[in-house]
């Protein structure tokens, strides 16, 4: 399994999309997890993800705040979302006959003064 996890601050801008495209085309991952995209998922055209052979499976649930974890997968992969909270997404998927469970976590650290 190939997985890319990237803190892709500002995925809506051309430079960040170009960098992601280069990573995906170079490594051909099964799964891509993005943290801190800083935009709504609907702001990225589905055609962009499809051009990379990916689809947006889910985002984390932060209530009224913009999701800060996006979980994308290869078009041939059919994962199931097990859990999604403000700080994590957990999915299961069958890959080469093996059941895999994956959790991606976003934890922001704050130093109190």
C-alpha atoms as a PDB file:
ATOM      1  CA  UNK A   1       0.000   0.000   0.000  1.00  0.00           C
ATOM      2  CA  UNK A   2       1.201   3.471  -0.827  1.00  0.00           C
ATOM      3  CA  UNK A   3      -0.069   6.380   1.237  1.00  0.00           C
ATOM      4  CA  UNK A   4       0.681  10.094   1.121  1.00  0.00           C
ATOM      5  CA  UNK A   5      -0.071  12.272   4.155  1.00  0.00           C
ATOM      6  CA  UNK A   6       0.570  15.942   3.531  1.00  0.00           C
ATOM      7  CA  UNK A   7      -0.082  19.176   5.381  1.00  0.00           C
ATOM      8  CA  UNK A   8      -1.390  20.859   2.240  1.00  0.00           C
ATOM      9  CA  UNK A   9      -2.164  24.320   3.525  1.00  0.00           C
ATOM     10  CA  UNK A  10      -4.045  26.127   0.817  1.00  0.00           C
ATOM     11  CA  UNK A  11      -4.896  23.278  -1.570  1.00  0.00           C
ATOM     12  CA  UNK A  12      -7.019  25.688  -3.634  1.00  0.00           C
ATOM     13  CA  UNK A  13      -3.976  27.565  -4.962  1.00  0.00           C
ATOM     14  CA  UNK A  14      -2.257  26.504  -8.177  1.00  0.00           C
ATOM     15  CA  UNK A  15       1.184  25.918  -6.657  1.00  0.00           C
ATOM     16  CA  UNK A  16      -0.122  23.547  -3.995  1.00  0.00           C
ATOM     17  CA  UNK A  17      -2.247  21.653  -6.517  1.00  0.00           C
ATOM     18  CA  UNK A  18       0.766  21.345  -8.830  1.00  0.00           C
ATOM     19  CA  UNK A  19       2.910  19.984  -5.981  1.00  0.00           C
ATOM     20  CA  UNK A  20       0.222  17.450  -5.042  1.00  0.00           C
ATOM     21  CA  UNK A  21      -0.183  16.407  -8.670  1.00  0.00           C
ATOM     22  CA  UNK A  22       3.582  15.821  -8.959  1.00  0.00           C
ATOM     23  CA  UNK A  23       3.622  13.714  -5.767  1.00  0.00           C
ATOM     24  CA  UNK A  24       0.635  11.630  -6.844  1.00  0.00           C
ATOM     25  CA  UNK A  25       1.913  11.041 -10.385  1.00  0.00           C
ATOM     26  CA  UNK A  26       5.372  10.175  -9.051  1.00  0.00           C
ATOM     27  CA  UNK A  27       4.297   7.777  -6.279  1.00  0.00           C
ATOM     28  CA  UNK A  28       0.847   6.567  -7.476  1.00  0.00           C
ATOM     29  CA  UNK A  29      -0.605   6.187  -3.962  1.00  0.00           C
ATOM     30  CA  UNK A  30      -3.659   4.142  -3.006  1.00  0.00           C
ATOM     31  CA  UNK A  31      -4.610   6.733  -0.389  1.00  0.00           C
ATOM     32  CA  UNK A  32      -3.945  10.451   0.080  1.00  0.00           C
ATOM     33  CA  UNK A  33      -4.682  12.233   3.361  1.00  0.00           C
ATOM     34  CA  UNK A  34      -4.527  16.015   3.409  1.00  0.00           C
ATOM     35  CA  UNK A  35      -4.450  18.111   6.549  1.00  0.00           C
ATOM     36  CA  UNK A  36      -5.180  21.830   6.823  1.00  0.00           C
ATOM     37  CA  UNK A  37      -6.486  22.346   3.278  1.00  0.00           C
ATOM     38  CA  UNK A  38      -8.023  25.626   4.550  1.00  0.00           C
ATOM     39  CA  UNK A  39     -10.950  25.528   2.084  1.00  0.00           C
ATOM     40  CA  UNK A  40     -14.240  23.718   1.696  1.00  0.00           C
ATOM     41  CA  UNK A  41     -13.940  20.419  -0.203  1.00  0.00           C
ATOM     42  CA  UNK A  42     -16.470  21.708  -2.758  1.00  0.00           C
ATOM     43  CA  UNK A  43     -13.975  24.399  -3.827  1.00  0.00           C
ATOM     44  CA  UNK A  44     -11.832  21.753  -5.568  1.00  0.00           C
ATOM     45  CA  UNK A  45     -13.421  20.417  -8.769  1.00  0.00           C
ATOM     46  CA  UNK A  46     -14.102  16.676  -8.878  1.00  0.00           C
ATOM     47  CA  UNK A  47     -12.337  16.717 -12.270  1.00  0.00           C
ATOM     48  CA  UNK A  48      -9.061  17.657 -10.533  1.00  0.00           C
ATOM     49  CA  UNK A  49      -9.216  14.590  -8.276  1.00  0.00           C
ATOM     50  CA  UNK A  50     -10.219  12.341 -11.179  1.00  0.00           C
ATOM     51  CA  UNK A  51      -7.285  13.607 -13.245  1.00  0.00           C
ATOM     52  CA  UNK A  52      -5.088  12.218 -10.460  1.00  0.00           C
ATOM     53  CA  UNK A  53      -6.994   8.922 -10.334  1.00  0.00           C
ATOM     54  CA  UNK A  54      -8.438   9.853  -6.928  1.00  0.00           C
ATOM     55  CA  UNK A  55     -11.801  10.530  -5.354  1.00  0.00           C
ATOM     56  CA  UNK A  56     -12.622  12.359  -2.137  1.00  0.00           C
ATOM     57  CA  UNK A  57     -13.977   9.695   0.214  1.00  0.00           C
ATOM     58  CA  UNK A  58     -14.685  11.817   3.288  1.00  0.00           C
ATOM     59  CA  UNK A  59     -13.622  14.710   5.476  1.00  0.00           C
ATOM     60  CA  UNK A  60     -13.559  14.970   9.241  1.00  0.00           C
ATOM     61  CA  UNK A  61     -16.517  16.384  11.162  1.00  0.00           C
ATOM     62  CA  UNK A  62     -15.727  19.653  12.940  1.00  0.00           C
ATOM     63  CA  UNK A  63     -19.278  20.890  13.303  1.00  0.00           C
ATOM     64  CA  UNK A  64     -19.515  24.441  11.943  1.00  0.00           C
ATOM     65  CA  UNK A  65     -15.779  24.682  11.169  1.00  0.00           C
ATOM     66  CA  UNK A  66     -14.186  23.775   7.828  1.00  0.00           C
ATOM     67  CA  UNK A  67     -12.890  20.174   7.803  1.00  0.00           C
ATOM     68  CA  UNK A  68      -9.132  19.992   8.351  1.00  0.00           C
ATOM     69  CA  UNK A  69      -8.607  16.363   7.267  1.00  0.00           C
ATOM     70  CA  UNK A  70      -9.501  15.121   3.792  1.00  0.00           C
ATOM     71  CA  UNK A  71      -9.304  11.423   2.951  1.00  0.00           C
ATOM     72  CA  UNK A  72      -8.902  10.595  -0.755  1.00  0.00           C
ATOM     73  CA  UNK A  73      -8.467   7.193  -2.350  1.00  0.00           C
ATOM     74  CA  UNK A  74      -7.607   5.644  -5.688  1.00  0.00           C
ATOM     75  CA  UNK A  75     -10.672   5.254  -7.907  1.00  0.00           C
ATOM     76  CA  UNK A  76     -10.414   1.437  -7.741  1.00  0.00           C
ATOM     77  CA  UNK A  77     -10.285   1.339  -3.925  1.00  0.00           C
ATOM     78  CA  UNK A  78     -13.586   1.122  -2.035  1.00  0.00           C
ATOM     79  CA  UNK A  79     -12.880   1.959   1.627  1.00  0.00           C
ATOM     80  CA  UNK A  80     -15.536   2.128   4.327  1.00  0.00           C
ATOM     81  CA  UNK A  81     -15.545   4.988   6.834  1.00  0.00           C
ATOM     82  CA  UNK A  82     -15.550   3.542  10.352  1.00  0.00           C
ATOM     83  CA  UNK A  83     -15.243   6.785  12.313  1.00  0.00           C
ATOM     84  CA  UNK A  84     -14.859  10.508  11.720  1.00  0.00           C
ATOM     85  CA  UNK A  85     -14.416  13.064  14.490  1.00  0.00           C
ATOM     86  CA  UNK A  86     -12.889  16.516  14.885  1.00  0.00           C
ATOM     87  CA  UNK A  87      -9.373  15.022  15.074  1.00  0.00           C
ATOM     88  CA  UNK A  88      -9.374  11.758  13.117  1.00  0.00           C
ATOM     89  CA  UNK A  89     -10.762   9.646  10.298  1.00  0.00           C
ATOM     90  CA  UNK A  90     -10.662   5.842  10.402  1.00  0.00           C
ATOM     91  CA  UNK A  91     -11.415   3.668   7.378  1.00  0.00           C
ATOM     92  CA  UNK A  92     -11.161   0.011   6.451  1.00  0.00           C
ATOM     93  CA  UNK A  93     -10.429  -1.318   2.985  1.00  0.00           C
ATOM     94  CA  UNK A  94      -9.513  -4.521   1.245  1.00  0.00           C
ATOM     95  CA  UNK A  95      -6.158  -4.241  -0.498  1.00  0.00           C
ATOM     96  CA  UNK A  96      -4.666  -7.220  -2.323  1.00  0.00           C
ATOM     97  CA  UNK A  97      -6.887  -9.532  -0.281  1.00  0.00           C
ATOM     98  CA  UNK A  98      -5.851  -8.049   3.067  1.00  0.00           C
ATOM     99  CA  UNK A  99      -8.276  -6.106   5.267  1.00  0.00           C
ATOM    100  CA  UNK A 100      -6.560  -2.875   6.323  1.00  0.00           C
ATOM    101  CA  UNK A 101      -7.614  -0.350   8.945  1.00  0.00           C
ATOM    102  CA  UNK A 102      -6.174   3.142   8.618  1.00  0.00           C
ATOM    103  CA  UNK A 103      -6.499   6.146  10.892  1.00  0.00           C
ATOM    104  CA  UNK A 104      -5.338   9.625   9.990  1.00  0.00           C
ATOM    105  CA  UNK A 105      -5.041  12.101  12.840  1.00  0.00           C
ATOM    106  CA  UNK A 106      -4.802  15.868  12.999  1.00  0.00           C
ATOM    107  CA  UNK A 107      -3.701  17.270  16.324  1.00  0.00           C
ATOM    108  CA  UNK A 108      -2.975  20.955  16.652  1.00  0.00           C
ATOM    109  CA  UNK A 109      -0.634  21.876  19.449  1.00  0.00           C
ATOM    110  CA  UNK A 110      -1.195  25.055  21.381  1.00  0.00           C
ATOM    111  CA  UNK A 111       1.290  26.421  23.867  1.00  0.00           C
ATOM    112  CA  UNK A 112      -0.378  28.342  26.659  1.00  0.00           C
ATOM    113  CA  UNK A 113       1.522  31.471  27.624  1.00  0.00           C
END
